[in-house]
Amino acid sequence: MSKKILIVDDEPNIVMSLEYAFKKQNYEVFIARDGQEALNILESEIPNVVLLDIMMPKVDGYQTITQIKNNPQLTDVKVVFLTAKSKAADVEKGLSLGADKYLTKPFSIRKVVNEINQLIE
């Protein structure tokens, strides 16, 4: 079974290190630099997981997850926030919008990969 992940973040260094780590785990990796780009990719690709930043240009993570959750074709897609917004209220909002996990920056790549693997096993 092929594992697919969509990484949505506007910080190139984060994207590169996550992309490398997930490719080593045999994931097919898709990259979006903002929510709009992510939604465009989701029209043709259905990943197992969307790893989603919150603070991004154009369409932020909150708007993006709302669109994903409202799309009947994406009901099986897991959404994981990976963000610098670490206040309890932010975590609560993210989970209330339907996120399957909420991870905060700075993060350990190994921990993120483990969390994602556990989520889709």
PDB file of N, CA and C in Angstrom:
ATOM      1  N   MET A   1       0.846  -1.200   0.000  1.00  0.00           N
ATOM      2  CA  MET A   1       0.000   0.000   0.000  1.00  0.00           C
ATOM      3  C   MET A   1       0.878   1.245   0.000  1.00  0.00           C
ATOM      4  N   SER A   2       0.625   2.148  -0.921  1.00  0.00           N
ATOM      5  CA  SER A   2       1.467   3.337  -0.952  1.00  0.00           C
ATOM      6  C   SER A   2       0.925   4.361   0.038  1.00  0.00           C
ATOM      7  N   LYS A   3       1.865   5.027   0.696  1.00  0.00           N
ATOM      8  CA  LYS A   3       1.505   6.054   1.670  1.00  0.00           C
ATOM      9  C   LYS A   3       1.772   7.404   1.018  1.00  0.00           C
ATOM     10  N   LYS A   4       0.780   8.286   1.119  1.00  0.00           N
ATOM     11  CA  LYS A   4       0.931   9.614   0.527  1.00  0.00           C
ATOM     12  C   LYS A   4       0.755  10.665   1.606  1.00  0.00           C
ATOM     13  N   ILE A   5       1.596  11.703   1.528  1.00  0.00           N
ATOM     14  CA  ILE A   5       1.471  12.813   2.467  1.00  0.00           C
ATOM     15  C   ILE A   5       1.555  14.129   1.696  1.00  0.00           C
ATOM     16  N   LEU A   6       0.728  15.065   2.106  1.00  0.00           N
ATOM     17  CA  LEU A   6       0.784  16.420   1.554  1.00  0.00           C
ATOM     18  C   LEU A   6       1.315  17.327   2.654  1.00  0.00           C
ATOM     19  N   ILE A   7       2.467  17.936   2.408  1.00  0.00           N
ATOM     20  CA  ILE A   7       3.080  18.844   3.386  1.00  0.00           C
ATOM     21  C   ILE A   7       2.751  20.271   2.962  1.00  0.00           C
ATOM     22  N   VAL A   8       2.094  21.003   3.857  1.00  0.00           N
ATOM     23  CA  VAL A   8       1.657  22.364   3.536  1.00  0.00           C
ATOM     24  C   VAL A   8       2.330  23.325   4.511  1.00  0.00           C
ATOM     25  N   ASP A   9       3.341  24.034   4.014  1.00  0.00           N
ATOM     26  CA  ASP A   9       4.080  24.961   4.871  1.00  0.00           C
ATOM     27  C   ASP A   9       4.785  25.973   3.978  1.00  0.00           C
ATOM     28  N   ASP A  10       4.903  27.201   4.447  1.00  0.00           N
ATOM     29  CA  ASP A  10       5.548  28.227   3.622  1.00  0.00           C
ATOM     30  C   ASP A  10       7.018  28.437   3.987  1.00  0.00           C
ATOM     31  N   GLU A  11       7.577  27.588   4.873  1.00  0.00           N
ATOM     32  CA  GLU A  11       8.992  27.708   5.217  1.00  0.00           C
ATOM     33  C   GLU A  11       9.792  26.622   4.507  1.00  0.00           C
ATOM     34  N   PRO A  12      10.602  27.012   3.499  1.00  0.00           N
ATOM     35  CA  PRO A  12      11.310  26.025   2.670  1.00  0.00           C
ATOM     36  C   PRO A  12      12.159  25.033   3.465  1.00  0.00           C
ATOM     37  N   ASN A  13      12.841  25.487   4.523  1.00  0.00           N
ATOM     38  CA  ASN A  13      13.709  24.582   5.288  1.00  0.00           C
ATOM     39  C   ASN A  13      12.907  23.479   5.959  1.00  0.00           C
ATOM     40  N   ILE A  14      11.747  23.837   6.484  1.00  0.00           N
ATOM     41  CA  ILE A  14      10.875  22.855   7.131  1.00  0.00           C
ATOM     42  C   ILE A  14      10.379  21.865   6.087  1.00  0.00           C
ATOM     43  N   VAL A  15       9.930  22.390   4.957  1.00  0.00           N
ATOM     44  CA  VAL A  15       9.415  21.532   3.887  1.00  0.00           C
ATOM     45  C   VAL A  15      10.492  20.550   3.431  1.00  0.00           C
ATOM     46  N   MET A  16      11.719  21.049   3.220  1.00  0.00           N
ATOM     47  CA  MET A  16      12.795  20.181   2.726  1.00  0.00           C
ATOM     48  C   MET A  16      13.119  19.076   3.716  1.00  0.00           C
ATOM     49  N   SER A  17      13.227  19.400   4.990  1.00  0.00           N
ATOM     50  CA  SER A  17      13.600  18.366   5.952  1.00  0.00           C
ATOM     51  C   SER A  17      12.480  17.341   6.140  1.00  0.00           C
ATOM     52  N   LEU A  18      11.229  17.803   6.129  1.00  0.00           N
ATOM     53  CA  LEU A  18      10.113  16.859   6.243  1.00  0.00           C
ATOM     54  C   LEU A  18       9.998  15.987   4.995  1.00  0.00           C
ATOM     55  N   GLU A  19      10.160  16.611   3.833  1.00  0.00           N
ATOM     56  CA  GLU A  19      10.067  15.859   2.577  1.00  0.00           C
ATOM     57  C   GLU A  19      11.098  14.737   2.559  1.00  0.00           C
ATOM     58  N   TYR A  20      12.327  15.064   2.934  1.00  0.00           N
ATOM     59  CA  TYR A  20      13.414  14.083   2.965  1.00  0.00           C
ATOM     60  C   TYR A  20      13.068  12.933   3.923  1.00  0.00           C
ATOM     61  N   ALA A  21      12.607  13.278   5.118  1.00  0.00           N
ATOM     62  CA  ALA A  21      12.310  12.266   6.143  1.00  0.00           C
ATOM     63  C   ALA A  21      11.189  11.332   5.696  1.00  0.00           C
ATOM     64  N   PHE A  22      10.142  11.900   5.089  1.00  0.00           N
ATOM     65  CA  PHE A  22       9.022  11.054   4.672  1.00  0.00           C
ATOM     66  C   PHE A  22       9.360  10.213   3.439  1.00  0.00           C
ATOM     67  N   LYS A  23      10.189  10.746   2.542  1.00  0.00           N
ATOM     68  CA  LYS A  23      10.605   9.947   1.378  1.00  0.00           C
ATOM     69  C   LYS A  23      11.433   8.747   1.838  1.00  0.00           C
ATOM     70  N   LYS A  24      12.252   8.939   2.869  1.00  0.00           N
ATOM     71  CA  LYS A  24      13.035   7.825   3.423  1.00  0.00           C
ATOM     72  C   LYS A  24      12.114   6.743   3.987  1.00  0.00           C
ATOM     73  N   GLN A  25      10.913   7.130   4.403  1.00  0.00           N
ATOM     74  CA  GLN A  25       9.926   6.182   4.940  1.00  0.00           C
ATOM     75  C   GLN A  25       8.999   5.648   3.836  1.00  0.00           C
ATOM     76  N   ASN A  26       9.406   5.876   2.583  1.00  0.00           N
ATOM     77  CA  ASN A  26       8.649   5.397   1.411  1.00  0.00           C
ATOM     78  C   ASN A  26       7.283   6.051   1.224  1.00  0.00           C
ATOM     79  N   TYR A  27       7.170   7.293   1.630  1.00  0.00           N
ATOM     80  CA  TYR A  27       5.952   8.060   1.351  1.00  0.00           C
ATOM     81  C   TYR A  27       6.085   8.713  -0.013  1.00  0.00           C
ATOM     82  N   GLU A  28       4.961   8.857  -0.692  1.00  0.00           N
ATOM     83  CA  GLU A  28       4.899   9.733  -1.857  1.00  0.00           C
ATOM     84  C   GLU A  28       4.573  11.107  -1.280  1.00  0.00           C
ATOM     85  N   VAL A  29       5.426  12.092  -1.559  1.00  0.00           N
ATOM     86  CA  VAL A  29       5.298  13.395  -0.906  1.00  0.00           C
ATOM     87  C   VAL A  29       4.828  14.463  -1.896  1.00  0.00           C
ATOM     88  N   PHE A  30       3.809  15.208  -1.484  1.00  0.00           N
ATOM     89  CA  PHE A  30       3.335  16.364  -2.255  1.00  0.00           C
ATOM     90  C   PHE A  30       3.600  17.598  -1.403  1.00  0.00           C
ATOM     91  N   ILE A  31       3.904  18.711  -2.063  1.00  0.00           N
ATOM     92  CA  ILE A  31       4.275  19.934  -1.347  1.00  0.00           C
ATOM     93  C   ILE A  31       3.360  21.077  -1.774  1.00  0.00           C
ATOM     94  N   ALA A  32       2.876  21.827  -0.788  1.00  0.00           N
ATOM     95  CA  ALA A  32       2.142  23.058  -1.077  1.00  0.00           C
ATOM     96  C   ALA A  32       2.693  24.144  -0.169  1.00  0.00           C
ATOM     97  N   ARG A  33       2.780  25.363  -0.690  1.00  0.00           N
ATOM     98  CA  ARG A  33       3.357  26.445   0.104  1.00  0.00           C
ATOM     99  C   ARG A  33       2.306  27.317   0.779  1.00  0.00           C
ATOM    100  N   ASP A  34       1.035  27.072   0.453  1.00  0.00           N
ATOM    101  CA  ASP A  34      -0.047  27.771   1.156  1.00  0.00           C
ATOM    102  C   ASP A  34      -1.319  26.943   0.996  1.00  0.00           C
ATOM    103  N   GLY A  35      -2.355  27.360   1.685  1.00  0.00           N
ATOM    104  CA  GLY A  35      -3.597  26.593   1.689  1.00  0.00           C
ATOM    105  C   GLY A  35      -4.235  26.462   0.326  1.00  0.00           C
ATOM    106  N   GLN A  36      -4.159  27.532  -0.486  1.00  0.00           N
ATOM    107  CA  GLN A  36      -4.770  27.476  -1.814  1.00  0.00           C
ATOM    108  C   GLN A  36      -4.099  26.418  -2.678  1.00  0.00           C
ATOM    109  N   GLU A  37      -2.775  26.392  -2.621  1.00  0.00           N
ATOM    110  CA  GLU A  37      -2.015  25.400  -3.382  1.00  0.00           C
ATOM    111  C   GLU A  37      -2.382  23.988  -2.905  1.00  0.00           C
ATOM    112  N   ALA A  38      -2.548  23.837  -1.595  1.00  0.00           N
ATOM    113  CA  ALA A  38      -2.927  22.532  -1.022  1.00  0.00           C
ATOM    114  C   ALA A  38      -4.284  22.085  -1.555  1.00  0.00           C
ATOM    115  N   LEU A  39      -5.246  23.002  -1.561  1.00  0.00           N
ATOM    116  CA  LEU A  39      -6.588  22.661  -2.030  1.00  0.00           C
ATOM    117  C   LEU A  39      -6.571  22.292  -3.512  1.00  0.00           C
ATOM    118  N   ASN A  40      -5.703  22.956  -4.290  1.00  0.00           N
ATOM    119  CA  ASN A  40      -5.568  22.627  -5.716  1.00  0.00           C
ATOM    120  C   ASN A  40      -5.042  21.198  -5.882  1.00  0.00           C
ATOM    121  N   ILE A  41      -4.035  20.844  -5.082  1.00  0.00           N
ATOM    122  CA  ILE A  41      -3.461  19.494  -5.158  1.00  0.00           C
ATOM    123  C   ILE A  41      -4.514  18.455  -4.765  1.00  0.00           C
ATOM    124  N   LEU A  42      -5.321  18.771  -3.754  1.00  0.00           N
ATOM    125  CA  LEU A  42      -6.328  17.830  -3.258  1.00  0.00           C
ATOM    126  C   LEU A  42      -7.452  17.567  -4.263  1.00  0.00           C
ATOM    127  N   GLU A  43      -7.522  18.380  -5.299  1.00  0.00           N
ATOM    128  CA  GLU A  43      -8.515  18.111  -6.342  1.00  0.00           C
ATOM    129  C   GLU A  43      -8.130  16.890  -7.164  1.00  0.00           C
ATOM    130  N   SER A  44      -6.823  16.592  -7.240  1.00  0.00           N
ATOM    131  CA  SER A  44      -6.388  15.454  -8.048  1.00  0.00           C
ATOM    132  C   SER A  44      -5.710  14.350  -7.242  1.00  0.00           C
ATOM    133  N   GLU A  45      -5.224  14.652  -6.055  1.00  0.00           N
ATOM    134  CA  GLU A  45      -4.524  13.661  -5.234  1.00  0.00           C
ATOM    135  C   GLU A  45      -5.234  13.536  -3.899  1.00  0.00           C
ATOM    136  N   ILE A  46      -5.388  12.286  -3.424  1.00  0.00           N
ATOM    137  CA  ILE A  46      -5.965  12.098  -2.092  1.00  0.00           C
ATOM    138  C   ILE A  46      -4.919  11.421  -1.214  1.00  0.00           C
ATOM    139  N   PRO A  47      -4.233  12.208  -0.388  1.00  0.00           N
ATOM    140  CA  PRO A  47      -3.185  11.640   0.468  1.00  0.00           C
ATOM    141  C   PRO A  47      -3.797  10.958   1.695  1.00  0.00           C
ATOM    142  N   ASN A  48      -2.954  10.178   2.394  1.00  0.00           N
ATOM    143  CA  ASN A  48      -3.391   9.607   3.677  1.00  0.00           C
ATOM    144  C   ASN A  48      -3.444  10.711   4.724  1.00  0.00           C
ATOM    145  N   VAL A  49      -2.464  11.620   4.625  1.00  0.00           N
ATOM    146  CA  VAL A  49      -2.314  12.665   5.639  1.00  0.00           C
ATOM    147  C   VAL A  49      -1.990  13.999   4.997  1.00  0.00           C
ATOM    148  N   VAL A  50      -2.567  15.060   5.567  1.00  0.00           N
ATOM    149  CA  VAL A  50      -2.158  16.419   5.229  1.00  0.00           C
ATOM    150  C   VAL A  50      -1.482  16.980   6.478  1.00  0.00           C
ATOM    151  N   LEU A  51      -0.206  17.351   6.339  1.00  0.00           N
ATOM    152  CA  LEU A  51       0.551  17.967   7.430  1.00  0.00           C
ATOM    153  C   LEU A  51       0.482  19.466   7.179  1.00  0.00           C
ATOM    154  N   LEU A  52      -0.189  20.184   8.077  1.00  0.00           N
ATOM    155  CA  LEU A  52      -0.657  21.527   7.757  1.00  0.00           C
ATOM    156  C   LEU A  52      -0.167  22.581   8.746  1.00  0.00           C
ATOM    157  N   ASP A  53       0.491  23.596   8.217  1.00  0.00           N
ATOM    158  CA  ASP A  53       0.857  24.759   9.025  1.00  0.00           C
ATOM    159  C   ASP A  53      -0.391  25.640   9.153  1.00  0.00           C
ATOM    160  N   ILE A  54      -0.425  26.511  10.155  1.00  0.00           N
ATOM    161  CA  ILE A  54      -1.580  27.402  10.298  1.00  0.00           C
ATOM    162  C   ILE A  54      -1.310  28.761   9.677  1.00  0.00           C
ATOM    163  N   MET A  55      -0.170  29.363  10.029  1.00  0.00           N
ATOM    164  CA  MET A  55       0.110  30.725   9.557  1.00  0.00           C
ATOM    165  C   MET A  55       0.796  30.691   8.201  1.00  0.00           C
ATOM    166  N   MET A  56      -0.003  30.941   7.146  1.00  0.00           N
ATOM    167  CA  MET A  56       0.513  30.930   5.776  1.00  0.00           C
ATOM    168  C   MET A  56      -0.147  32.045   4.983  1.00  0.00           C
ATOM    169  N   PRO A  57       0.511  32.449   3.869  1.00  0.00           N
ATOM    170  CA  PRO A  57      -0.107  33.476   3.013  1.00  0.00           C
ATOM    171  C   PRO A  57      -1.366  32.953   2.326  1.00  0.00           C
ATOM    172  N   LYS A  58      -2.143  33.838   1.785  1.00  0.00           N
ATOM    173  CA  LYS A  58      -3.371  33.542   1.033  1.00  0.00           C
ATOM    174  C   LYS A  58      -4.418  32.841   1.871  1.00  0.00           C
ATOM    175  N   VAL A  59      -4.336  31.499   1.940  1.00  0.00           N
ATOM    176  CA  VAL A  59      -5.338  30.731   2.679  1.00  0.00           C
ATOM    177  C   VAL A  59      -4.636  30.066   3.856  1.00  0.00           C
ATOM    178  N   ASP A  60      -5.053  30.393   5.090  1.00  0.00           N
ATOM    179  CA  ASP A  60      -4.343  29.839   6.250  1.00  0.00           C
ATOM    180  C   ASP A  60      -4.808  28.412   6.561  1.00  0.00           C
ATOM    181  N   GLY A  61      -4.161  27.809   7.562  1.00  0.00           N
ATOM    182  CA  GLY A  61      -4.444  26.419   7.908  1.00  0.00           C
ATOM    183  C   GLY A  61      -5.868  26.196   8.386  1.00  0.00           C
ATOM    184  N   TYR A  62      -6.422  27.171   9.103  1.00  0.00           N
ATOM    185  CA  TYR A  62      -7.795  27.019   9.596  1.00  0.00           C
ATOM    186  C   TYR A  62      -8.789  26.951   8.437  1.00  0.00           C
ATOM    187  N   GLN A  63      -8.598  27.842   7.462  1.00  0.00           N
ATOM    188  CA  GLN A  63      -9.485  27.836   6.281  1.00  0.00           C
ATOM    189  C   GLN A  63      -9.292  26.549   5.487  1.00  0.00           C
ATOM    190  N   THR A  64      -8.052  26.102   5.414  1.00  0.00           N
ATOM    191  CA  THR A  64      -7.739  24.904   4.632  1.00  0.00           C
ATOM    192  C   THR A  64      -8.400  23.667   5.235  1.00  0.00           C
ATOM    193  N   ILE A  65      -8.272  23.477   6.564  1.00  0.00           N
ATOM    194  CA  ILE A  65      -8.863  22.288   7.182  1.00  0.00           C
ATOM    195  C   ILE A  65     -10.388  22.320   7.062  1.00  0.00           C
ATOM    196  N   THR A  66     -10.962  23.507   7.138  1.00  0.00           N
ATOM    197  CA  THR A  66     -12.417  23.630   7.010  1.00  0.00           C
ATOM    198  C   THR A  66     -12.861  23.148   5.629  1.00  0.00           C
ATOM    199  N   GLN A  67     -12.109  23.552   4.599  1.00  0.00           N
ATOM    200  CA  GLN A  67     -12.426  23.115   3.226  1.00  0.00           C
ATOM    201  C   GLN A  67     -12.253  21.604   3.076  1.00  0.00           C
ATOM    202  N   ILE A  68     -11.178  21.067   3.682  1.00  0.00           N
ATOM    203  CA  ILE A  68     -10.929  19.622   3.593  1.00  0.00           C
ATOM    204  C   ILE A  68     -12.078  18.862   4.264  1.00  0.00           C
ATOM    205  N   LYS A  69     -12.459  19.306   5.455  1.00  0.00           N
ATOM    206  CA  LYS A  69     -13.496  18.600   6.217  1.00  0.00           C
ATOM    207  C   LYS A  69     -14.867  18.707   5.553  1.00  0.00           C
ATOM    208  N   ASN A  70     -15.080  19.750   4.755  1.00  0.00           N
ATOM    209  CA  ASN A  70     -16.365  19.921   4.067  1.00  0.00           C
ATOM    210  C   ASN A  70     -16.420  19.194   2.727  1.00  0.00           C
ATOM    211  N   ASN A  71     -15.317  18.551   2.333  1.00  0.00           N
ATOM    212  CA  ASN A  71     -15.268  17.875   1.046  1.00  0.00           C
ATOM    213  C   ASN A  71     -15.508  16.377   1.241  1.00  0.00           C
ATOM    214  N   PRO A  72     -16.651  15.864   0.753  1.00  0.00           N
ATOM    215  CA  PRO A  72     -16.986  14.454   0.971  1.00  0.00           C
ATOM    216  C   PRO A  72     -15.959  13.468   0.401  1.00  0.00           C
ATOM    217  N   GLN A  73     -15.191  13.903  -0.606  1.00  0.00           N
ATOM    218  CA  GLN A  73     -14.175  13.005  -1.183  1.00  0.00           C
ATOM    219  C   GLN A  73     -12.953  12.866  -0.290  1.00  0.00           C
ATOM    220  N   LEU A  74     -12.837  13.739   0.703  1.00  0.00           N
ATOM    221  CA  LEU A  74     -11.631  13.736   1.546  1.00  0.00           C
ATOM    222  C   LEU A  74     -11.918  13.250   2.970  1.00  0.00           C
ATOM    223  N   THR A  75     -13.026  12.522   3.147  1.00  0.00           N
ATOM    224  CA  THR A  75     -13.416  12.132   4.510  1.00  0.00           C
ATOM    225  C   THR A  75     -12.387  11.233   5.197  1.00  0.00           C
ATOM    226  N   ASP A  76     -11.613  10.445   4.420  1.00  0.00           N
ATOM    227  CA  ASP A  76     -10.649   9.537   5.037  1.00  0.00           C
ATOM    228  C   ASP A  76      -9.281  10.174   5.256  1.00  0.00           C
ATOM    229  N   VAL A  77      -9.115  11.404   4.795  1.00  0.00           N
ATOM    230  CA  VAL A  77      -7.810  12.063   4.919  1.00  0.00           C
ATOM    231  C   VAL A  77      -7.613  12.557   6.352  1.00  0.00           C
ATOM    232  N   LYS A  78      -6.472  12.170   6.937  1.00  0.00           N
ATOM    233  CA  LYS A  78      -6.128  12.654   8.277  1.00  0.00           C
ATOM    234  C   LYS A  78      -5.464  14.022   8.126  1.00  0.00           C
ATOM    235  N   VAL A  79      -5.779  14.927   9.059  1.00  0.00           N
ATOM    236  CA  VAL A  79      -5.150  16.246   9.023  1.00  0.00           C
ATOM    237  C   VAL A  79      -4.393  16.461  10.327  1.00  0.00           C
ATOM    238  N   VAL A  80      -3.118  16.811  10.194  1.00  0.00           N
ATOM    239  CA  VAL A  80      -2.272  17.055  11.358  1.00  0.00           C
ATOM    240  C   VAL A  80      -1.727  18.471  11.261  1.00  0.00           C
ATOM    241  N   PHE A  81      -2.019  19.284  12.277  1.00  0.00           N
ATOM    242  CA  PHE A  81      -1.429  20.621  12.306  1.00  0.00           C
ATOM    243  C   PHE A  81       0.001  20.520  12.799  1.00  0.00           C
ATOM    244  N   LEU A  82       0.899  21.244  12.136  1.00  0.00           N
ATOM    245  CA  LEU A  82       2.283  21.389  12.580  1.00  0.00           C
ATOM    246  C   LEU A  82       2.551  22.887  12.550  1.00  0.00           C
ATOM    247  N   THR A  83       2.556  23.508  13.732  1.00  0.00           N
ATOM    248  CA  THR A  83       2.522  24.966  13.769  1.00  0.00           C
ATOM    249  C   THR A  83       3.271  25.532  14.969  1.00  0.00           C
ATOM    250  N   ALA A  84       3.632  26.807  14.859  1.00  0.00           N
ATOM    251  CA  ALA A  84       4.268  27.500  15.985  1.00  0.00           C
ATOM    252  C   ALA A  84       3.228  27.992  16.992  1.00  0.00           C
ATOM    253  N   LYS A  85       1.943  27.934  16.625  1.00  0.00           N
ATOM    254  CA  LYS A  85       0.882  28.396  17.531  1.00  0.00           C
ATOM    255  C   LYS A  85       0.640  27.333  18.600  1.00  0.00           C
ATOM    256  N   SER A  86       1.202  27.582  19.787  1.00  0.00           N
ATOM    257  CA  SER A  86       1.208  26.516  20.799  1.00  0.00           C
ATOM    258  C   SER A  86       0.353  26.811  22.031  1.00  0.00           C
ATOM    259  N   LYS A  87      -0.383  27.915  22.028  1.00  0.00           N
ATOM    260  CA  LYS A  87      -1.260  28.216  23.172  1.00  0.00           C
ATOM    261  C   LYS A  87      -2.392  27.199  23.236  1.00  0.00           C
ATOM    262  N   ALA A  88      -2.892  26.962  24.443  1.00  0.00           N
ATOM    263  CA  ALA A  88      -3.977  25.996  24.625  1.00  0.00           C
ATOM    264  C   ALA A  88      -5.174  26.325  23.740  1.00  0.00           C
ATOM    265  N   ALA A  89      -5.497  27.606  23.614  1.00  0.00           N
ATOM    266  CA  ALA A  89      -6.644  28.023  22.802  1.00  0.00           C
ATOM    267  C   ALA A  89      -6.431  27.667  21.324  1.00  0.00           C
ATOM    268  N   ASP A  90      -5.177  27.788  20.861  1.00  0.00           N
ATOM    269  CA  ASP A  90      -4.864  27.438  19.468  1.00  0.00           C
ATOM    270  C   ASP A  90      -5.042  25.941  19.247  1.00  0.00           C
ATOM    271  N   VAL A  91      -4.522  25.147  20.187  1.00  0.00           N
ATOM    272  CA  VAL A  91      -4.630  23.693  20.090  1.00  0.00           C
ATOM    273  C   VAL A  91      -6.102  23.292  20.076  1.00  0.00           C
ATOM    274  N   GLU A  92      -6.863  23.899  20.985  1.00  0.00           N
ATOM    275  CA  GLU A  92      -8.285  23.605  21.086  1.00  0.00           C
ATOM    276  C   GLU A  92      -9.009  23.934  19.781  1.00  0.00           C
ATOM    277  N   LYS A  93      -8.688  25.099  19.220  1.00  0.00           N
ATOM    278  CA  LYS A  93      -9.331  25.499  17.965  1.00  0.00           C
ATOM    279  C   LYS A  93      -8.987  24.513  16.852  1.00  0.00           C
ATOM    280  N   GLY A  94      -7.725  24.158  16.756  1.00  0.00           N
ATOM    281  CA  GLY A  94      -7.284  23.221  15.719  1.00  0.00           C
ATOM    282  C   GLY A  94      -8.004  21.890  15.822  1.00  0.00           C
ATOM    283  N   LEU A  95      -8.103  21.357  17.035  1.00  0.00           N
ATOM    284  CA  LEU A  95      -8.764  20.067  17.220  1.00  0.00           C
ATOM    285  C   LEU A  95     -10.268  20.185  16.999  1.00  0.00           C
ATOM    286  N   SER A  96     -10.841  21.320  17.391  1.00  0.00           N
ATOM    287  CA  SER A  96     -12.290  21.484  17.211  1.00  0.00           C
ATOM    288  C   SER A  96     -12.654  21.600  15.734  1.00  0.00           C
ATOM    289  N   LEU A  97     -11.703  22.041  14.901  1.00  0.00           N
ATOM    290  CA  LEU A  97     -11.941  22.121  13.454  1.00  0.00           C
ATOM    291  C   LEU A  97     -11.792  20.756  12.780  1.00  0.00           C
ATOM    292  N   GLY A  98     -11.353  19.769  13.572  1.00  0.00           N
ATOM    293  CA  GLY A  98     -11.298  18.416  13.030  1.00  0.00           C
ATOM    294  C   GLY A  98      -9.910  17.833  12.836  1.00  0.00           C
ATOM    295  N   ALA A  99      -8.867  18.504  13.334  1.00  0.00           N
ATOM    296  CA  ALA A  99      -7.515  17.958  13.198  1.00  0.00           C
ATOM    297  C   ALA A  99      -7.397  16.650  13.972  1.00  0.00           C
ATOM    298  N   ASP A 100      -6.672  15.693  13.393  1.00  0.00           N
ATOM    299  CA  ASP A 100      -6.463  14.412  14.052  1.00  0.00           C
ATOM    300  C   ASP A 100      -5.335  14.498  15.072  1.00  0.00           C
ATOM    301  N   LYS A 101      -4.406  15.401  14.843  1.00  0.00           N
ATOM    302  CA  LYS A 101      -3.314  15.646  15.794  1.00  0.00           C
ATOM    303  C   LYS A 101      -2.902  17.109  15.668  1.00  0.00           C
ATOM    304  N   TYR A 102      -2.254  17.587  16.739  1.00  0.00           N
ATOM    305  CA  TYR A 102      -1.779  18.973  16.759  1.00  0.00           C
ATOM    306  C   TYR A 102      -0.352  18.946  17.299  1.00  0.00           C
ATOM    307  N   LEU A 103       0.622  19.175  16.430  1.00  0.00           N
ATOM    308  CA  LEU A 103       2.030  19.160  16.814  1.00  0.00           C
ATOM    309  C   LEU A 103       2.579  20.577  16.722  1.00  0.00           C
ATOM    310  N   THR A 104       3.477  20.919  17.627  1.00  0.00           N
ATOM    311  CA  THR A 104       3.976  22.294  17.641  1.00  0.00           C
ATOM    312  C   THR A 104       5.455  22.379  17.255  1.00  0.00           C
ATOM    313  N   LYS A 105       5.793  23.523  16.658  1.00  0.00           N
ATOM    314  CA  LYS A 105       7.175  23.857  16.306  1.00  0.00           C
ATOM    315  C   LYS A 105       7.799  24.557  17.506  1.00  0.00           C
ATOM    316  N   PRO A 106       9.093  24.458  17.709  1.00  0.00           N
ATOM    317  CA  PRO A 106      10.009  23.582  16.966  1.00  0.00           C
ATOM    318  C   PRO A 106       9.702  22.112  17.264  1.00  0.00           C
ATOM    319  N   PHE A 107      10.073  21.239  16.333  1.00  0.00           N
ATOM    320  CA  PHE A 107       9.705  19.840  16.475  1.00  0.00           C
ATOM    321  C   PHE A 107      10.886  18.945  16.145  1.00  0.00           C
ATOM    322  N   SER A 108      10.800  17.694  16.559  1.00  0.00           N
ATOM    323  CA  SER A 108      11.781  16.693  16.172  1.00  0.00           C
ATOM    324  C   SER A 108      11.210  15.963  14.959  1.00  0.00           C
ATOM    325  N   ILE A 109      11.993  15.898  13.885  1.00  0.00           N
ATOM    326  CA  ILE A 109      11.549  15.229  12.663  1.00  0.00           C
ATOM    327  C   ILE A 109      11.140  13.789  12.983  1.00  0.00           C
ATOM    328  N   ARG A 110      11.948  13.115  13.791  1.00  0.00           N
ATOM    329  CA  ARG A 110      11.663  11.721  14.102  1.00  0.00           C
ATOM    330  C   ARG A 110      10.308  11.585  14.788  1.00  0.00           C
ATOM    331  N   LYS A 111      10.024  12.514  15.693  1.00  0.00           N
ATOM    332  CA  LYS A 111       8.744  12.460  16.406  1.00  0.00           C
ATOM    333  C   LYS A 111       7.577  12.688  15.432  1.00  0.00           C
ATOM    334  N   VAL A 112       7.720  13.641  14.530  1.00  0.00           N
ATOM    335  CA  VAL A 112       6.656  13.913  13.562  1.00  0.00           C
ATOM    336  C   VAL A 112       6.412  12.679  12.690  1.00  0.00           C
ATOM    337  N   VAL A 113       7.476  12.072  12.186  1.00  0.00           N
ATOM    338  CA  VAL A 113       7.344  10.884  11.343  1.00  0.00           C
ATOM    339  C   VAL A 113       6.660   9.758  12.122  1.00  0.00           C
ATOM    340  N   ASN A 114       7.081   9.547  13.383  1.00  0.00           N
ATOM    341  CA  ASN A 114       6.462   8.502  14.211  1.00  0.00           C
ATOM    342  C   ASN A 114       4.981   8.753  14.427  1.00  0.00           C
ATOM    343  N   GLU A 115       4.636  10.006  14.718  1.00  0.00           N
ATOM    344  CA  GLU A 115       3.223  10.351  14.956  1.00  0.00           C
ATOM    345  C   GLU A 115       2.383  10.072  13.714  1.00  0.00           C
ATOM    346  N   ILE A 116       2.911  10.434  12.546  1.00  0.00           N
ATOM    347  CA  ILE A 116       2.177  10.231  11.297  1.00  0.00           C
ATOM    348  C   ILE A 116       2.046   8.739  11.004  1.00  0.00           C
ATOM    349  N   ASN A 117       3.138   7.988  11.187  1.00  0.00           N
ATOM    350  CA  ASN A 117       3.081   6.542  10.945  1.00  0.00           C
ATOM    351  C   ASN A 117       2.029   5.884  11.828  1.00  0.00           C
ATOM    352  N   GLN A 118       2.002   6.266  13.117  1.00  0.00           N
ATOM    353  CA  GLN A 118       1.008   5.695  14.039  1.00  0.00           C
ATOM    354  C   GLN A 118      -0.406   6.042  13.596  1.00  0.00           C
ATOM    355  N   LEU A 119      -0.577   7.260  13.117  1.00  0.00           N
ATOM    356  CA  LEU A 119      -1.899   7.740  12.747  1.00  0.00           C
ATOM    357  C   LEU A 119      -2.496   6.938  11.589  1.00  0.00           C
ATOM    358  N   ILE A 120      -1.667   6.543  10.625  1.00  0.00           N
ATOM    359  CA  ILE A 120      -2.233   5.897   9.438  1.00  0.00           C
ATOM    360  C   ILE A 120      -2.069   4.375   9.422  1.00  0.00           C
ATOM    361  N   GLU A 121      -1.475   3.825  10.453  1.00  0.00           N
ATOM    362  CA  GLU A 121      -1.306   2.358  10.481  1.00  0.00           C
ATOM    363  C   GLU A 121      -2.629   1.652  10.601  1.00  0.00           C
TER     364      GLU A 121
END
